C-alpha atoms as a PDB file:
ATOM      1  CA  MET A   1     105.272  76.061 106.393  1.00  0.00           C
ATOM      2  CA  LEU A   2     106.448  79.215 104.636  1.00  0.00           C
ATOM      3  CA  LEU A   3     108.977  79.354 101.796  1.00  0.00           C
ATOM      4  CA  ILE A   4     110.567  82.392 100.191  1.00  0.00           C
ATOM      5  CA  SER A   5     112.147  82.561  96.779  1.00  0.00           C
ATOM      6  CA  MET A   6     114.135  85.646  95.760  1.00  0.00           C
ATOM      7  CA  THR A   7     115.565  86.616  92.393  1.00  0.00           C
ATOM      8  CA  ILE A   8     117.817  89.523  91.510  1.00  0.00           C
ATOM      9  CA  ILE A   9     116.557  90.865  88.191  1.00  0.00           C
ATOM     10  CA  ILE A  10     118.849  93.164  86.200  1.00  0.00           C
ATOM     11  CA  ASP A  11     117.752  94.960  83.025  1.00  0.00           C
ATOM     12  CA  GLY A  12     120.457  96.098  80.636  1.00  0.00           C
ATOM     13  CA  ASP A  13     122.395  95.455  77.455  1.00  0.00           C
ATOM     14  CA  PRO A  14     122.453  91.681  76.707  1.00  0.00           C
ATOM     15  CA  GLN A  15     126.134  91.576  75.695  1.00  0.00           C
ATOM     16  CA  LYS A  16     127.274  93.546  78.740  1.00  0.00           C
ATOM     17  CA  LEU A  17     125.113  91.422  81.034  1.00  0.00           C
ATOM     18  CA  LYS A  18     126.697  88.279  79.590  1.00  0.00           C
ATOM     19  CA  ALA A  19     130.140  89.760  80.328  1.00  0.00           C
ATOM     20  CA  PHE A  20     129.029  90.609  83.872  1.00  0.00           C
ATOM     21  CA  LYS A  21     127.807  87.043  84.383  1.00  0.00           C
ATOM     22  CA  GLU A  22     131.283  85.788  83.500  1.00  0.00           C
ATOM     23  CA  LYS A  23     132.825  88.010  86.224  1.00  0.00           C
ATOM     24  CA  VAL A  24     130.723  86.504  89.023  1.00  0.00           C
ATOM     25  CA  LYS A  25     132.929  84.260  91.137  1.00  0.00           C
ATOM     26  CA  GLU A  26     130.329  83.208  93.734  1.00  0.00           C
ATOM     27  CA  GLU A  27     128.231  80.138  93.231  1.00  0.00           C
ATOM     28  CA  ALA A  28     124.892  81.370  91.913  1.00  0.00           C
ATOM     29  CA  TYR A  29     121.978  80.089  89.880  1.00  0.00           C
ATOM     30  CA  PHE A  30     121.549  81.993  86.601  1.00  0.00           C
ATOM     31  CA  ASP A  31     118.473  81.712  84.468  1.00  0.00           C
ATOM     32  CA  ASP A  32     119.730  81.447  80.903  1.00  0.00           C
ATOM     33  CA  PHE A  33     117.310  83.860  79.250  1.00  0.00           C
ATOM     34  CA  LEU A  34     120.380  85.800  78.124  1.00  0.00           C
ATOM     35  CA  ASN A  35     121.057  83.061  75.614  1.00  0.00           C
ATOM     36  CA  SER A  36     118.046  84.333  73.694  1.00  0.00           C
ATOM     37  CA  ASN A  37     119.550  87.872  73.594  1.00  0.00           C
ATOM     38  CA  ASP A  38     117.054  89.034  76.173  1.00  0.00           C
ATOM     39  CA  ASP A  39     117.967  92.189  78.064  1.00  0.00           C
ATOM     40  CA  VAL A  40     117.257  90.711  81.504  1.00  0.00           C
ATOM     41  CA  LEU A  41     119.502  88.659  83.786  1.00  0.00           C
ATOM     42  CA  PHE A  42     117.966  86.571  86.584  1.00  0.00           C
ATOM     43  CA  ILE A  43     120.217  85.600  89.508  1.00  0.00           C
ATOM     44  CA  GLU A  44     119.324  83.395  92.478  1.00  0.00           C
ATOM     45  CA  SER A  45     121.238  82.161  95.472  1.00  0.00           C
ATOM     46  CA  PRO A  46     122.555  78.604  95.152  1.00  0.00           C
ATOM     47  CA  ALA A  47     119.989  77.551  97.792  1.00  0.00           C
ATOM     48  CA  ARG A  48     117.182  78.729  95.422  1.00  0.00           C
ATOM     49  CA  VAL A  49     114.584  78.701  98.262  1.00  0.00           C
ATOM     50  CA  GLY A  50     114.591  80.022 101.811  1.00  0.00           C
ATOM     51  CA  VAL A  51     112.670  78.222 104.551  1.00  0.00           C
ATOM     52  CA  GLU A  52     110.975  80.028 107.428  1.00  0.00           C
ATOM     53  CA  TYR A  53     113.109  80.284 110.585  1.00  0.00           C
ATOM     54  CA  GLU A  54     116.212  79.567 108.446  1.00  0.00           C
ATOM     55  CA  LEU A  55     116.225  82.720 106.301  1.00  0.00           C
ATOM     56  CA  GLU A  56     119.290  84.466 107.740  1.00  0.00           C
ATOM     57  CA  PRO A  57     121.960  82.862 105.497  1.00  0.00           C
ATOM     58  CA  TYR A  58     119.617  82.882 102.495  1.00  0.00           C
ATOM     59  CA  GLU A  59     118.983  86.626 102.787  1.00  0.00           C
ATOM     60  CA  GLU A  60     122.643  87.347 103.585  1.00  0.00           C
ATOM     61  CA  TRP A  61     123.685  85.808 100.258  1.00  0.00           C
ATOM     62  CA  TYR A  62     121.597  88.437  98.420  1.00  0.00           C
ATOM     63  CA  VAL A  63     122.890  91.355 100.469  1.00  0.00           C
ATOM     64  CA  ASP A  64     126.507  90.233 100.065  1.00  0.00           C
ATOM     65  CA  PHE A  65     126.034  89.713  96.312  1.00  0.00           C
ATOM     66  CA  ILE A  66     124.585  93.207  95.806  1.00  0.00           C
ATOM     67  CA  GLU A  67     127.311  94.834  97.915  1.00  0.00           C
ATOM     68  CA  LYS A  68     130.073  93.024  96.064  1.00  0.00           C
ATOM     69  CA  TYR A  69     128.788  93.287  92.494  1.00  0.00           C
ATOM     70  CA  TYR A  70     126.733  96.475  92.314  1.00  0.00           C
ATOM     71  CA  PRO A  71     129.611  98.523  90.806  1.00  0.00           C
ATOM     72  CA  GLU A  72     130.169  95.780  88.214  1.00  0.00           C
ATOM     73  CA  MET A  73     126.447  95.761  87.434  1.00  0.00           C
ATOM     74  CA  GLU A  74     126.600  99.517  86.800  1.00  0.00           C
ATOM     75  CA  LYS A  75     129.594  99.028  84.508  1.00  0.00           C
ATOM     76  CA  ALA A  76     127.588  96.365  82.681  1.00  0.00           C
ATOM     77  CA  GLY A  77     125.015  98.983  81.731  1.00  0.00           C
ATOM     78  CA  MET A  78     122.405  98.020  84.315  1.00  0.00           C
ATOM     79  CA  GLN A  79     119.295 100.119  83.758  1.00  0.00           C
ATOM     80  CA  GLU A  80     117.046  98.647  86.458  1.00  0.00           C
ATOM     81  CA  ILE A  81     117.529  96.266  89.372  1.00  0.00           C
ATOM     82  CA  GLU A  82     115.077  94.575  91.677  1.00  0.00           C
ATOM     83  CA  ILE A  83     114.922  91.736  94.118  1.00  0.00           C
ATOM     84  CA  SER A  84     111.718  89.917  93.249  1.00  0.00           C
ATOM     85  CA  ILE A  85     110.315  88.112  96.293  1.00  0.00           C
ATOM     86  CA  ASN A  86     107.865  85.212  96.090  1.00  0.00           C
ATOM     87  CA  VAL A  87     106.289  83.947  99.306  1.00  0.00           C
ATOM     88  CA  PHE A  88     104.582  80.553  99.407  1.00  0.00           C
ATOM     89  CA  TYR A  89     102.537  79.467 102.427  1.00  0.00           C
ATOM     90  CA  ALA A  90     100.029  76.794 103.408  1.00  0.00           C
ATOM     91  CA  GLU A  91      98.334  78.080 106.536  1.00  0.00           C
ATOM     92  CA  GLN A  92      99.213  81.392 108.145  1.00  0.00           C
ATOM     93  CA  CYS A  93     101.271  83.974 106.298  1.00  0.00           C
ATOM     94  CA  ASN A  94     103.487  86.088 108.552  1.00  0.00           C
ATOM     95  CA  PHE A  95     106.919  86.954 107.288  1.00  0.00           C
ATOM     96  CA  SER A  96     109.690  89.487 107.424  1.00  0.00           C
ATOM     97  CA  ILE A  97     112.196  90.096 104.654  1.00  0.00           C
ATOM     98  CA  PHE A  98     115.638  91.455 105.519  1.00  0.00           C
ATOM     99  CA  ASN A  99     116.200  92.652 109.082  1.00  0.00           C
ATOM    100  CA  ARG A 100     117.026  96.305 109.869  1.00  0.00           C
ATOM    101  CA  ASP A 101     120.745  95.846 109.323  1.00  0.00           C
ATOM    102  CA  LYS A 102     120.268  94.230 105.925  1.00  0.00           C
ATOM    103  CA  MET A 103     117.729  96.875 104.858  1.00  0.00           C
ATOM    104  CA  MET A 104     120.198  99.619 105.815  1.00  0.00           C
ATOM    105  CA  ARG A 105     122.908  97.924 103.779  1.00  0.00           C
ATOM    106  CA  LEU A 106     120.621  97.498 100.767  1.00  0.00           C
ATOM    107  CA  GLY A 107     119.199 101.015 101.177  1.00  0.00           C
ATOM    108  CA  LYS A 108     122.356 102.414  99.559  1.00  0.00           C
ATOM    109  CA  TYR A 109     121.190 101.067  96.196  1.00  0.00           C
ATOM    110  CA  PRO A 110     118.114 101.987  94.088  1.00  0.00           C
ATOM    111  CA  ILE A 111     116.510  98.548  94.246  1.00  0.00           C
ATOM    112  CA  ALA A 112     112.796  97.762  93.883  1.00  0.00           C
ATOM    113  CA  TYR A 113     111.327  94.933  95.994  1.00  0.00           C
ATOM    114  CA  PRO A 114     108.188  93.522  94.351  1.00  0.00           C
ATOM    115  CA  VAL A 115     106.505  90.887  96.533  1.00  0.00           C
ATOM    116  CA  SER A 116     104.063  88.199  95.422  1.00  0.00           C
ATOM    117  CA  VAL A 117     102.314  85.955  97.953  1.00  0.00           C
ATOM    118  CA  TYR A 118     100.814  82.564  97.051  1.00  0.00           C
ATOM    119  CA  ARG A 119      98.592  80.361  99.174  1.00  0.00           C
ATOM    120  CA  THR A 120      99.877  76.891  98.331  1.00  0.00           C
ATOM    121  CA  LYS A 121      98.952  73.301  99.153  1.00  0.00           C
ATOM    122  CA  MET A 122     101.382  71.438 101.388  1.00  0.00           C
ATOM    123  CA  GLU A 123     102.305  69.051  98.546  1.00  0.00           C
ATOM    124  CA  GLU A 124     103.231  72.018  96.349  1.00  0.00           C
ATOM    125  CA  LEU A 125     105.283  73.519  99.172  1.00  0.00           C
ATOM    126  CA  GLU A 126     107.244  70.284  99.443  1.00  0.00           C
ATOM    127  CA  GLU A 127     107.857  70.374  95.689  1.00  0.00           C
ATOM    128  CA  ILE A 128     109.089  73.982  95.866  1.00  0.00           C
ATOM    129  CA  LYS A 129     111.246  73.137  98.889  1.00  0.00           C
ATOM    130  CA  SER A 130     112.863  70.333  96.870  1.00  0.00           C
ATOM    131  CA  LEU A 131     114.498  73.023  94.698  1.00  0.00           C
ATOM    132  CA  ARG A 132     116.590  73.905  97.748  1.00  0.00           C
ATOM    133  CA  GLN A 133     120.173  72.796  97.319  1.00  0.00           C
END
Protein backbone atom coordinates (compact mmCIF):
# COMPACT_ATOMS: atom_id res chain seq x y z
CA MET A 1 0.00 0.00 0.00
CA LEU A 2 1.11 3.55 -0.75
CA LEU A 3 -0.42 6.71 0.72
CA ILE A 4 0.26 10.32 -0.19
CA SER A 5 -0.40 13.34 1.95
CA MET A 6 -0.10 16.83 0.45
CA THR A 7 -0.19 20.22 2.14
CA ILE A 8 -0.22 23.66 0.57
CA ILE A 9 2.06 25.81 2.70
CA ILE A 10 1.82 29.59 2.33
CA ASP A 11 4.21 32.01 4.05
CA GLY A 12 3.03 35.58 4.55
CA ASP A 13 1.57 38.17 6.89
CA PRO A 14 -0.51 36.44 9.62
CA GLN A 15 -3.39 38.94 9.51
CA LYS A 16 -3.65 38.84 5.72
CA LEU A 17 -3.46 35.04 5.72
CA LYS A 18 -6.31 34.92 8.23
CA ALA A 19 -8.36 37.16 5.91
CA PHE A 20 -7.51 34.90 2.96
CA LYS A 21 -8.63 31.84 4.93
CA GLU A 22 -12.02 33.49 5.43
CA LYS A 23 -12.41 33.94 1.64
CA VAL A 24 -11.99 30.23 0.87
CA LYS A 25 -15.37 28.78 -0.05
CA GLU A 26 -14.26 25.20 -0.79
CA GLU A 27 -14.24 22.59 1.91
CA ALA A 28 -10.64 22.36 3.09
CA TYR A 29 -8.72 21.31 6.17
CA PHE A 30 -6.79 24.21 7.73
CA ASP A 31 -4.14 23.72 10.35
CA ASP A 32 -4.77 26.41 12.94
CA PHE A 33 -1.19 27.56 13.47
CA LEU A 34 -2.40 31.01 12.43
CA ASN A 35 -4.13 31.30 15.78
CA SER A 36 -0.68 31.63 17.32
CA ASN A 37 0.13 34.57 14.98
CA ASP A 38 2.42 32.35 12.96
CA ASP A 39 3.20 33.53 9.44
CA VAL A 40 2.41 30.18 7.80
CA LEU A 41 -0.91 28.77 6.62
CA PHE A 42 -1.28 25.02 6.05
CA ILE A 43 -4.10 23.85 3.75
CA GLU A 44 -5.08 20.26 2.94
CA SER A 45 -7.78 18.71 0.83
CA PRO A 46 -10.82 17.51 2.77
CA ALA A 47 -9.75 13.92 1.99
CA ARG A 48 -6.45 14.58 3.89
CA VAL A 49 -4.79 11.45 2.38
CA GLY A 50 -4.58 10.06 -1.14
CA VAL A 51 -4.47 6.31 -1.73
CA GLU A 52 -2.50 4.72 -4.56
CA TYR A 53 -4.55 4.06 -7.72
CA GLU A 54 -7.15 6.59 -6.45
CA LEU A 55 -5.04 9.77 -6.60
CA GLU A 56 -6.74 11.53 -9.52
CA PRO A 57 -9.47 13.37 -7.55
CA TYR A 58 -7.11 13.98 -4.62
CA GLU A 59 -4.51 15.67 -6.83
CA GLU A 60 -7.18 17.54 -8.82
CA TRP A 61 -8.40 19.22 -5.62
CA TYR A 62 -4.93 20.79 -5.16
CA VAL A 63 -4.62 21.94 -8.76
CA ASP A 64 -8.12 23.44 -8.74
CA PHE A 65 -7.47 25.18 -5.41
CA ILE A 66 -4.24 26.78 -6.64
CA GLU A 67 -5.83 27.88 -9.92
CA LYS A 68 -8.81 29.41 -8.17
CA TYR A 69 -7.09 31.07 -5.21
CA TYR A 70 -3.58 31.97 -6.37
CA PRO A 71 -4.51 35.62 -7.12
CA GLU A 72 -6.14 35.89 -3.68
CA MET A 73 -3.03 34.39 -2.09
CA GLU A 74 -0.91 37.06 -3.79
CA LYS A 75 -3.26 39.76 -2.51
CA ALA A 76 -2.89 38.25 0.96
CA GLY A 77 0.83 39.01 0.86
CA MET A 78 2.00 35.48 0.09
CA GLN A 79 5.79 35.42 0.12
CA GLU A 80 6.36 31.71 -0.54
CA ILE A 81 4.18 28.78 -1.57
CA GLU A 82 4.84 25.08 -1.75
CA ILE A 83 2.99 21.83 -1.97
CA SER A 84 4.67 19.60 0.58
CA ILE A 85 4.31 15.93 -0.38
CA ASN A 86 4.67 13.06 2.08
CA VAL A 87 4.74 9.51 0.71
CA PHE A 88 4.17 6.55 3.03
CA TYR A 89 4.75 2.98 1.84
CA ALA A 90 5.10 -0.52 3.26
CA GLU A 91 6.73 -2.57 0.54
CA GLN A 92 7.67 -1.14 -2.84
CA CYS A 93 7.76 2.60 -3.43
CA ASN A 94 6.83 3.63 -6.97
CA PHE A 95 4.74 6.73 -7.37
CA SER A 96 3.93 9.60 -9.65
CA ILE A 97 2.67 12.98 -8.51
CA PHE A 98 0.53 15.07 -10.85
CA ASN A 99 0.22 13.89 -14.45
CA ARG A 100 1.52 16.00 -17.37
CA ASP A 101 -1.67 18.03 -17.65
CA LYS A 102 -1.69 18.90 -13.96
CA MET A 103 2.03 19.77 -13.99
CA MET A 104 1.46 22.10 -16.95
CA ARG A 105 -1.39 23.79 -15.10
CA LEU A 106 0.66 24.17 -11.93
CA GLY A 107 3.76 25.23 -13.89
CA LYS A 108 2.25 28.72 -14.26
CA TYR A 109 2.93 29.36 -10.57
CA PRO A 110 6.25 29.57 -8.66
CA ILE A 111 5.57 26.60 -6.39
CA ALA A 112 8.17 24.40 -4.70
CA TYR A 113 7.43 20.66 -4.33
CA PRO A 114 9.41 19.18 -1.43
CA VAL A 115 8.94 15.40 -1.17
CA SER A 116 9.55 13.21 1.87
CA VAL A 117 9.30 9.42 1.65
CA TYR A 118 8.71 7.18 4.68
CA ARG A 119 8.93 3.41 4.88
CA THR A 120 6.04 2.57 7.19
CA LYS A 121 4.62 -0.54 8.85
CA MET A 122 1.26 -1.71 7.55
CA GLU A 123 -0.42 -0.89 10.89
CA GLU A 124 0.86 2.69 10.65
CA LEU A 125 -0.37 2.93 7.06
CA GLU A 126 -3.84 1.90 8.20
CA GLU A 127 -3.72 4.57 10.90
CA ILE A 128 -2.68 7.24 8.37
CA LYS A 129 -5.36 6.03 5.95
CA SER A 130 -7.96 6.47 8.71
CA LEU A 131 -7.42 10.25 8.42
CA ARG A 132 -9.07 10.01 5.01
CA GLN A 133 -12.53 11.51 5.04
